[in-house]
């Protein structure tokens, strides 16, 4: 009788451990899927930026500093390793700020604001920024789920045993980058 009880207990514990392991794998995959969504949107934005810069350049040739800053930050963002989430978040936040300043500069050029090409690019960028925010929320939710599982008992026992680690949130750390750019007319 005792051997059956011990055997049943071992089987139950094994099944429980397998279920916890599979739940951790699922959460890790959700984090990776979330990061992939952010990465796709950031690439879409990076691909749109040269067109935007060229359009603004045609109208605002003496706004060289703002244009060069956006171009430099786009290059910096492309150079950051895909696994360096904190670094990518920092440079992408700076790029978002630079784009905000570029649109503020565009306000000084009525012909540029009236340009259909600029308007289309601006609308596309707005759409991409919204998609980035949605992807970021999904990713950060998946990270939260994984991190809770990695730290909670009893899943932390399985997580530690099989090398599951907490993931980094994709967030803007610099308060200046969180601020909405001031646009004066």
C-alpha atoms as a PDB file:
ATOM      1  CA  UNK A   1       0.000   0.000   0.000  1.00  0.00           C
ATOM      2  CA  UNK A   2       2.789   2.444   0.869  1.00  0.00           C
ATOM      3  CA  UNK A   3       4.642   1.763  -2.375  1.00  0.00           C
ATOM      4  CA  UNK A   4       1.492   2.590  -4.361  1.00  0.00           C
ATOM      5  CA  UNK A   5       1.083   5.801  -2.390  1.00  0.00           C
ATOM      6  CA  UNK A   6       4.728   6.791  -2.945  1.00  0.00           C
ATOM      7  CA  UNK A   7       4.520   5.854  -6.624  1.00  0.00           C
ATOM      8  CA  UNK A   8       1.296   7.863  -7.060  1.00  0.00           C
ATOM      9  CA  UNK A   9       2.863  10.827  -5.264  1.00  0.00           C
ATOM     10  CA  UNK A  10       5.964  10.688  -7.496  1.00  0.00           C
ATOM     11  CA  UNK A  11       3.829  10.522 -10.624  1.00  0.00           C
ATOM     12  CA  UNK A  12       1.696  13.453  -9.419  1.00  0.00           C
ATOM     13  CA  UNK A  13       4.801  15.523  -8.641  1.00  0.00           C
ATOM     14  CA  UNK A  14       6.304  14.648 -12.027  1.00  0.00           C
ATOM     15  CA  UNK A  15       3.130  15.683 -13.851  1.00  0.00           C
ATOM     16  CA  UNK A  16       3.000  18.899 -11.825  1.00  0.00           C
ATOM     17  CA  UNK A  17       6.659  19.664 -12.637  1.00  0.00           C
ATOM     18  CA  UNK A  18       6.032  19.012 -16.338  1.00  0.00           C
ATOM     19  CA  UNK A  19       3.022  21.335 -16.306  1.00  0.00           C
ATOM     20  CA  UNK A  20       5.047  24.079 -14.610  1.00  0.00           C
ATOM     21  CA  UNK A  21       7.903  23.634 -17.066  1.00  0.00           C
ATOM     22  CA  UNK A  22       5.543  23.844 -20.044  1.00  0.00           C
ATOM     23  CA  UNK A  23       3.905  26.959 -18.596  1.00  0.00           C
ATOM     24  CA  UNK A  24       7.331  28.591 -18.282  1.00  0.00           C
ATOM     25  CA  UNK A  25       8.206  27.656 -21.868  1.00  0.00           C
ATOM     26  CA  UNK A  26       4.918  29.165 -23.055  1.00  0.00           C
ATOM     27  CA  UNK A  27       5.592  32.401 -21.169  1.00  0.00           C
ATOM     28  CA  UNK A  28       9.124  32.631 -22.561  1.00  0.00           C
ATOM     29  CA  UNK A  29       7.751  32.150 -26.079  1.00  0.00           C
ATOM     30  CA  UNK A  30       5.184  34.902 -25.483  1.00  0.00           C
ATOM     31  CA  UNK A  31       8.024  37.247 -24.475  1.00  0.00           C
ATOM     32  CA  UNK A  32       9.934  36.368 -27.644  1.00  0.00           C
ATOM     33  CA  UNK A  33       6.795  36.851 -29.743  1.00  0.00           C
ATOM     34  CA  UNK A  34       6.198  40.215 -28.085  1.00  0.00           C
ATOM     35  CA  UNK A  35       9.755  41.351 -28.782  1.00  0.00           C
ATOM     36  CA  UNK A  36       9.385  40.258 -32.390  1.00  0.00           C
ATOM     37  CA  UNK A  37       6.284  42.462 -32.681  1.00  0.00           C
ATOM     38  CA  UNK A  38       8.163  45.471 -31.330  1.00  0.00           C
ATOM     39  CA  UNK A  39      11.117  44.770 -33.600  1.00  0.00           C
ATOM     40  CA  UNK A  40       8.899  44.618 -36.693  1.00  0.00           C
ATOM     41  CA  UNK A  41       7.315  47.977 -35.880  1.00  0.00           C
ATOM     42  CA  UNK A  42      10.671  49.583 -35.107  1.00  0.00           C
ATOM     43  CA  UNK A  43      11.989  48.365 -38.471  1.00  0.00           C
ATOM     44  CA  UNK A  44       8.918  49.784 -40.215  1.00  0.00           C
ATOM     45  CA  UNK A  45       9.606  53.122 -38.552  1.00  0.00           C
ATOM     46  CA  UNK A  46      13.303  52.971 -39.433  1.00  0.00           C
ATOM     47  CA  UNK A  47      12.413  52.309 -43.072  1.00  0.00           C
ATOM     48  CA  UNK A  48      10.025  55.276 -43.142  1.00  0.00           C
ATOM     49  CA  UNK A  49      12.495  57.763 -41.647  1.00  0.00           C
ATOM     50  CA  UNK A  50      14.715  58.270 -44.756  1.00  0.00           C
ATOM     51  CA  UNK A  51      11.656  59.225 -46.811  1.00  0.00           C
ATOM     52  CA  UNK A  52      10.543  61.625 -44.109  1.00  0.00           C
ATOM     53  CA  UNK A  53      13.994  63.191 -43.815  1.00  0.00           C
ATOM     54  CA  UNK A  54      14.266  63.647 -47.587  1.00  0.00           C
ATOM     55  CA  UNK A  55      10.836  65.261 -47.749  1.00  0.00           C
ATOM     56  CA  UNK A  56      11.632  67.685 -44.926  1.00  0.00           C
ATOM     57  CA  UNK A  57      15.096  68.330 -46.382  1.00  0.00           C
ATOM     58  CA  UNK A  58      13.544  69.510 -49.643  1.00  0.00           C
ATOM     59  CA  UNK A  59      11.594  72.209 -47.785  1.00  0.00           C
ATOM     60  CA  UNK A  60      13.804  72.996 -44.807  1.00  0.00           C
ATOM     61  CA  UNK A  61      17.367  72.784 -45.984  1.00  0.00           C
ATOM     62  CA  UNK A  62      18.700  75.010 -43.180  1.00  0.00           C
ATOM     63  CA  UNK A  63      17.284  72.706 -40.442  1.00  0.00           C
ATOM     64  CA  UNK A  64      20.338  70.523 -40.884  1.00  0.00           C
ATOM     65  CA  UNK A  65      20.856  69.710 -37.187  1.00  0.00           C
ATOM     66  CA  UNK A  66      17.392  68.213 -36.663  1.00  0.00           C
ATOM     67  CA  UNK A  67      17.693  66.138 -39.831  1.00  0.00           C
ATOM     68  CA  UNK A  68      21.170  64.876 -38.992  1.00  0.00           C
ATOM     69  CA  UNK A  69      20.085  63.987 -35.458  1.00  0.00           C
ATOM     70  CA  UNK A  70      17.189  61.842 -36.716  1.00  0.00           C
ATOM     71  CA  UNK A  71      19.439  60.145 -39.258  1.00  0.00           C
ATOM     72  CA  UNK A  72      22.174  59.477 -36.675  1.00  0.00           C
ATOM     73  CA  UNK A  73      19.700  58.057 -34.154  1.00  0.00           C
ATOM     74  CA  UNK A  74      18.172  55.819 -36.813  1.00  0.00           C
ATOM     75  CA  UNK A  75      21.637  54.440 -37.555  1.00  0.00           C
ATOM     76  CA  UNK A  76      22.317  54.010 -33.820  1.00  0.00           C
ATOM     77  CA  UNK A  77      19.041  52.124 -33.389  1.00  0.00           C
ATOM     78  CA  UNK A  78      19.904  49.761 -36.220  1.00  0.00           C
ATOM     79  CA  UNK A  79      23.310  49.080 -34.650  1.00  0.00           C
ATOM     80  CA  UNK A  80      21.936  47.982 -31.253  1.00  0.00           C
ATOM     81  CA  UNK A  81      21.912  44.232 -30.743  1.00  0.00           C
ATOM     82  CA  UNK A  82      18.464  42.626 -30.800  1.00  0.00           C
ATOM     83  CA  UNK A  83      19.121  41.076 -27.408  1.00  0.00           C
ATOM     84  CA  UNK A  84      20.007  44.417 -25.744  1.00  0.00           C
ATOM     85  CA  UNK A  85      16.466  45.432 -24.862  1.00  0.00           C
ATOM     86  CA  UNK A  86      17.441  48.223 -22.460  1.00  0.00           C
ATOM     87  CA  UNK A  87      19.881  49.708 -24.983  1.00  0.00           C
ATOM     88  CA  UNK A  88      17.346  49.459 -27.761  1.00  0.00           C
ATOM     89  CA  UNK A  89      14.677  51.101 -25.604  1.00  0.00           C
ATOM     90  CA  UNK A  90      17.043  53.977 -24.812  1.00  0.00           C
ATOM     91  CA  UNK A  91      18.018  54.718 -28.402  1.00  0.00           C
ATOM     92  CA  UNK A  92      14.451  54.242 -29.685  1.00  0.00           C
ATOM     93  CA  UNK A  93      13.210  56.682 -27.034  1.00  0.00           C
ATOM     94  CA  UNK A  94      15.767  59.232 -28.190  1.00  0.00           C
ATOM     95  CA  UNK A  95      14.686  58.648 -31.791  1.00  0.00           C
ATOM     96  CA  UNK A  96      11.059  59.237 -30.852  1.00  0.00           C
ATOM     97  CA  UNK A  97      12.048  62.555 -29.233  1.00  0.00           C
ATOM     98  CA  UNK A  98      14.077  63.552 -32.300  1.00  0.00           C
ATOM     99  CA  UNK A  99      11.139  62.774 -34.578  1.00  0.00           C
ATOM    100  CA  UNK A 100       8.931  64.929 -32.365  1.00  0.00           C
ATOM    101  CA  UNK A 101      11.405  67.801 -32.739  1.00  0.00           C
ATOM    102  CA  UNK A 102      11.512  67.215 -36.500  1.00  0.00           C
ATOM    103  CA  UNK A 103       7.731  67.541 -36.697  1.00  0.00           C
ATOM    104  CA  UNK A 104       7.958  70.672 -34.556  1.00  0.00           C
ATOM    105  CA  UNK A 105      10.423  72.102 -37.093  1.00  0.00           C
ATOM    106  CA  UNK A 106       8.017  71.184 -39.883  1.00  0.00           C
ATOM    107  CA  UNK A 107       5.392  73.415 -38.280  1.00  0.00           C
ATOM    108  CA  UNK A 108       7.477  76.417 -39.402  1.00  0.00           C
ATOM    109  CA  UNK A 109       7.044  75.478 -43.064  1.00  0.00           C
ATOM    110  CA  UNK A 110       3.439  75.849 -44.288  1.00  0.00           C
ATOM    111  CA  UNK A 111       4.335  74.474 -47.734  1.00  0.00           C
ATOM    112  CA  UNK A 112       5.815  71.374 -46.119  1.00  0.00           C
ATOM    113  CA  UNK A 113       2.766  70.864 -43.894  1.00  0.00           C
ATOM    114  CA  UNK A 114       0.550  71.185 -46.966  1.00  0.00           C
ATOM    115  CA  UNK A 115       2.594  68.650 -48.942  1.00  0.00           C
ATOM    116  CA  UNK A 116       0.650  65.439 -49.567  1.00  0.00           C
ATOM    117  CA  UNK A 117       3.849  63.391 -49.372  1.00  0.00           C
ATOM    118  CA  UNK A 118       4.706  64.851 -45.956  1.00  0.00           C
ATOM    119  CA  UNK A 119       1.146  64.368 -44.769  1.00  0.00           C
ATOM    120  CA  UNK A 120       1.169  60.726 -45.878  1.00  0.00           C
ATOM    121  CA  UNK A 121       4.518  60.125 -44.198  1.00  0.00           C
ATOM    122  CA  UNK A 122       3.313  61.817 -41.007  1.00  0.00           C
ATOM    123  CA  UNK A 123       0.158  59.691 -40.958  1.00  0.00           C
ATOM    124  CA  UNK A 124       2.177  56.526 -41.589  1.00  0.00           C
ATOM    125  CA  UNK A 125       4.534  57.414 -38.771  1.00  0.00           C
ATOM    126  CA  UNK A 126       1.603  58.059 -36.424  1.00  0.00           C
ATOM    127  CA  UNK A 127       0.182  54.658 -37.329  1.00  0.00           C
ATOM    128  CA  UNK A 128       3.537  52.979 -36.707  1.00  0.00           C
ATOM    129  CA  UNK A 129       3.993  54.781 -33.375  1.00  0.00           C
ATOM    130  CA  UNK A 130       0.581  53.493 -32.272  1.00  0.00           C
ATOM    131  CA  UNK A 131       1.532  49.977 -33.370  1.00  0.00           C
ATOM    132  CA  UNK A 132       4.809  50.258 -31.438  1.00  0.00           C
ATOM    133  CA  UNK A 133       2.888  51.229 -28.308  1.00  0.00           C
ATOM    134  CA  UNK A 134       0.508  48.286 -28.700  1.00  0.00           C
ATOM    135  CA  UNK A 135       3.401  45.880 -29.311  1.00  0.00           C
ATOM    136  CA  UNK A 136       5.239  47.325 -26.328  1.00  0.00           C
ATOM    137  CA  UNK A 137       2.227  46.809 -24.060  1.00  0.00           C
ATOM    138  CA  UNK A 138       1.891  43.207 -25.234  1.00  0.00           C
ATOM    139  CA  UNK A 139       5.601  42.557 -24.751  1.00  0.00           C
ATOM    140  CA  UNK A 140       5.704  44.115 -21.287  1.00  0.00           C
ATOM    141  CA  UNK A 141       2.630  42.076 -20.281  1.00  0.00           C
ATOM    142  CA  UNK A 142       4.343  38.895 -21.466  1.00  0.00           C
ATOM    143  CA  UNK A 143       7.502  39.889 -19.572  1.00  0.00           C
ATOM    144  CA  UNK A 144       5.439  40.477 -16.436  1.00  0.00           C
ATOM    145  CA  UNK A 145       3.868  37.010 -16.771  1.00  0.00           C
ATOM    146  CA  UNK A 146       7.250  35.338 -17.208  1.00  0.00           C
ATOM    147  CA  UNK A 147       8.883  37.294 -14.393  1.00  0.00           C
ATOM    148  CA  UNK A 148       6.065  36.451 -11.974  1.00  0.00           C
ATOM    149  CA  UNK A 149       6.350  32.764 -12.865  1.00  0.00           C
ATOM    150  CA  UNK A 150      10.143  32.794 -12.522  1.00  0.00           C
ATOM    151  CA  UNK A 151       9.920  34.365  -9.063  1.00  0.00           C
ATOM    152  CA  UNK A 152       6.805  32.622  -7.691  1.00  0.00           C
ATOM    153  CA  UNK A 153       6.787  29.414  -5.703  1.00  0.00           C
ATOM    154  CA  UNK A 154       6.700  26.593  -6.806  1.00  0.00           C
ATOM    155  CA  UNK A 155       7.443  27.525 -10.422  1.00  0.00           C
ATOM    156  CA  UNK A 156      10.659  29.232  -9.292  1.00  0.00           C
ATOM    157  CA  UNK A 157      12.020  25.790  -8.400  1.00  0.00           C
ATOM    158  CA  UNK A 158      11.498  24.574 -11.957  1.00  0.00           C
ATOM    159  CA  UNK A 159      12.662  27.903 -13.440  1.00  0.00           C
ATOM    160  CA  UNK A 160      15.906  27.789 -11.486  1.00  0.00           C
ATOM    161  CA  UNK A 161      16.506  24.158 -12.338  1.00  0.00           C
ATOM    162  CA  UNK A 162      16.082  24.702 -16.100  1.00  0.00           C
ATOM    163  CA  UNK A 163      17.690  28.135 -16.459  1.00  0.00           C
ATOM    164  CA  UNK A 164      14.615  30.323 -16.964  1.00  0.00           C
ATOM    165  CA  UNK A 165      15.470  33.940 -16.210  1.00  0.00           C
ATOM    166  CA  UNK A 166      13.584  37.162 -15.783  1.00  0.00           C
ATOM    167  CA  UNK A 167      13.226  39.249 -18.938  1.00  0.00           C
ATOM    168  CA  UNK A 168      13.741  43.009 -19.267  1.00  0.00           C
ATOM    169  CA  UNK A 169      10.851  45.383 -19.803  1.00  0.00           C
ATOM    170  CA  UNK A 170      10.930  47.627 -22.851  1.00  0.00           C
ATOM    171  CA  UNK A 171      10.635  51.018 -21.246  1.00  0.00           C
ATOM    172  CA  UNK A 172      11.961  54.510 -21.464  1.00  0.00           C
ATOM    173  CA  UNK A 173      14.177  55.171 -18.473  1.00  0.00           C
ATOM    174  CA  UNK A 174      15.133  58.807 -19.019  1.00  0.00           C
ATOM    175  CA  UNK A 175      12.429  61.160 -17.738  1.00  0.00           C
ATOM    176  CA  UNK A 176      13.331  63.699 -20.428  1.00  0.00           C
ATOM    177  CA  UNK A 177      12.532  61.116 -23.092  1.00  0.00           C
ATOM    178  CA  UNK A 178       9.116  60.471 -21.503  1.00  0.00           C
ATOM    179  CA  UNK A 179       8.172  64.119 -21.779  1.00  0.00           C
ATOM    180  CA  UNK A 180       5.921  65.167 -24.617  1.00  0.00           C
ATOM    181  CA  UNK A 181       7.839  67.496 -26.911  1.00  0.00           C
ATOM    182  CA  UNK A 182       6.696  71.094 -26.576  1.00  0.00           C
ATOM    183  CA  UNK A 183       5.412  72.476 -29.841  1.00  0.00           C
ATOM    184  CA  UNK A 184       4.750  76.173 -30.034  1.00  0.00           C
ATOM    185  CA  UNK A 185       2.955  77.868 -32.888  1.00  0.00           C
END
